[in-house]
Amino acid sequence: MKITINDNRKILNIQEEFNTVFPYLKLEFFSKSHNSTSESTKKFEKNNCNTLDECRTIRNNNKIEIIPEMTVLDLEKSFKDVYGLKVQLYRKSGKVWLETTITEGWTLEEQNRQGEALSNTSEQKLKTD
């Protein structure tokens, strides 16, 4: 399955479609704060209800296609390069969401499978306790 991202898509709708395709992953969008001059100290603020066109900092006509074989690193880089937006992927582990920074070389499919395994293991453990 493929998710096509363009300017007219609302961030909330992208997140919902992404979660439908990858139920054990969560995609969060952030935009840079304009109060800081140092790249390393800029804060990121969540944007959940705007279209990509309203939030983007880079203007071009490119689109992004999200596929299961894409790595986390490629996904994050695509949003940064095409839209100028920071995205962070989280994987479900039981009842908590973990950042995927250590496993950013994994594909979205691998991340989702691992999230499912960790969540099912956690649920089974709770049932036996």
Protein backbone atom coordinates (compact mmCIF):
# COMPACT_ATOMS: atom_id res chain seq x y z
CA MET A 1 0.00 0.00 0.00
CA LYS A 2 1.15 3.51 -0.81
CA ILE A 3 0.28 6.84 0.82
CA THR A 4 0.62 9.87 -1.45
CA ILE A 5 1.37 13.18 0.26
CA ASN A 6 0.72 16.54 -1.41
CA ASP A 7 0.12 20.18 -0.42
CA ASN A 8 -3.65 19.84 -0.07
CA ARG A 9 -3.55 17.08 2.54
CA LYS A 10 -4.40 17.99 6.12
CA ILE A 11 -1.81 16.83 8.62
CA LEU A 12 -4.47 15.15 10.74
CA ASN A 13 -5.70 13.18 7.70
CA ILE A 14 -2.16 12.10 6.84
CA GLN A 15 -1.67 10.89 10.42
CA GLU A 16 -4.95 8.95 10.33
CA GLU A 17 -4.18 7.28 7.00
CA PHE A 18 -0.64 6.49 8.14
CA ASN A 19 -2.00 4.89 11.32
CA THR A 20 -4.50 2.84 9.30
CA VAL A 21 -1.69 1.41 7.15
CA PHE A 22 0.75 1.10 10.08
CA PRO A 23 -1.39 0.61 13.22
CA TYR A 24 1.62 0.25 15.54
CA LEU A 25 3.30 3.44 14.32
CA LYS A 26 2.51 7.10 14.90
CA LEU A 27 3.71 10.01 12.76
CA GLU A 28 4.04 13.42 14.42
CA PHE A 29 4.69 16.70 12.59
CA PHE A 30 6.66 19.62 13.96
CA SER A 31 7.57 23.08 12.73
CA LYS A 32 10.55 25.11 13.80
CA SER A 33 10.03 27.97 16.21
CA HIS A 34 11.10 31.35 14.84
CA ASN A 35 12.46 32.78 18.13
CA SER A 36 15.87 31.09 18.15
CA THR A 37 18.84 31.68 15.89
CA SER A 38 20.77 28.49 16.61
CA GLU A 39 19.64 25.46 14.58
CA SER A 40 20.50 23.12 17.46
CA THR A 41 18.36 25.02 19.98
CA LYS A 42 15.27 25.62 17.86
CA LYS A 43 12.14 24.20 19.41
CA PHE A 44 9.61 22.25 17.41
CA GLU A 45 5.91 22.83 17.87
CA LYS A 46 3.20 20.36 16.88
CA ASN A 47 0.84 21.21 14.02
CA ASN A 48 -2.17 18.91 13.80
CA CYS A 49 -4.94 20.68 11.91
CA ASN A 50 -3.32 22.59 9.04
CA THR A 51 -2.68 21.55 5.46
CA LEU A 52 0.89 20.88 4.41
CA ASP A 53 0.74 23.95 2.18
CA GLU A 54 0.04 26.17 5.21
CA CYS A 55 2.89 24.65 7.24
CA ARG A 56 5.65 24.01 4.73
CA THR A 57 8.80 26.11 4.68
CA ILE A 58 10.10 24.86 1.31
CA ARG A 59 8.10 25.64 -1.84
CA ASN A 60 8.17 23.19 -4.76
CA ASN A 61 5.79 20.90 -6.62
CA ASN A 62 7.19 17.62 -5.32
CA LYS A 63 5.14 14.90 -3.65
CA ILE A 64 6.07 12.16 -1.21
CA GLU A 65 4.99 8.56 -1.55
CA ILE A 66 5.16 6.54 1.65
CA ILE A 67 5.62 2.81 1.10
CA PRO A 68 6.21 -0.03 3.61
CA GLU A 69 9.76 -0.60 2.27
CA MET A 70 10.79 2.99 3.09
CA THR A 71 13.12 3.43 6.09
CA VAL A 72 12.34 5.79 8.95
CA LEU A 73 15.39 7.85 7.97
CA ASP A 74 14.15 8.15 4.37
CA LEU A 75 10.67 9.15 5.56
CA GLU A 76 12.03 11.88 7.84
CA LYS A 77 14.46 13.11 5.18
CA SER A 78 11.70 13.26 2.54
CA PHE A 79 9.51 15.52 4.68
CA LYS A 80 12.49 17.73 5.51
CA ASP A 81 13.71 17.98 1.90
CA VAL A 82 10.31 18.34 0.17
CA TYR A 83 8.32 20.35 2.73
CA GLY A 84 10.88 21.70 5.20
CA LEU A 85 9.00 19.93 8.01
CA LYS A 86 10.31 17.81 10.82
CA VAL A 87 8.50 14.55 11.38
CA GLN A 88 9.15 12.01 14.11
CA LEU A 89 8.06 8.40 13.97
CA TYR A 90 6.98 6.58 17.13
CA ARG A 91 6.51 2.83 17.58
CA LYS A 92 4.03 1.32 19.99
CA SER A 93 5.52 -0.81 22.75
CA GLY A 94 2.78 -2.11 24.99
CA LYS A 95 0.93 1.01 26.13
CA VAL A 96 3.69 3.53 25.40
CA TRP A 97 5.00 5.15 22.23
CA LEU A 98 8.79 5.07 21.71
CA GLU A 99 10.85 7.26 19.39
CA THR A 100 12.45 5.23 16.61
CA THR A 101 15.73 7.13 16.59
CA ILE A 102 17.88 4.07 17.35
CA THR A 103 16.14 1.96 14.70
CA GLU A 104 15.78 4.63 12.00
CA GLY A 105 17.45 2.32 9.46
CA TRP A 106 14.53 -0.13 9.72
CA THR A 107 11.73 -0.05 7.18
CA LEU A 108 8.25 1.12 8.17
CA GLU A 109 7.07 -2.46 7.72
CA GLU A 110 9.76 -3.75 10.15
CA GLN A 111 8.93 -1.03 12.66
CA ASN A 112 5.22 -1.87 12.50
CA ARG A 113 5.89 -5.62 12.91
CA GLN A 114 8.09 -4.97 15.93
CA GLY A 115 5.43 -2.70 17.44
CA GLU A 116 2.82 -5.40 16.97
CA ALA A 117 5.06 -8.05 18.55
CA LEU A 118 5.91 -5.82 21.53
CA SER A 119 2.30 -4.80 22.05
CA ASN A 120 0.99 -8.38 21.83
CA THR A 121 3.69 -9.63 24.21
CA SER A 122 2.81 -6.87 26.67
CA GLU A 123 -0.93 -7.65 26.45
CA GLN A 124 -0.31 -11.38 26.99
CA LYS A 125 1.86 -10.65 30.01
CA LEU A 126 -0.87 -8.49 31.55
CA LYS A 127 -3.40 -11.30 31.08
CA THR A 128 -1.18 -13.84 32.89
CA ASP A 129 -0.30 -11.59 35.83
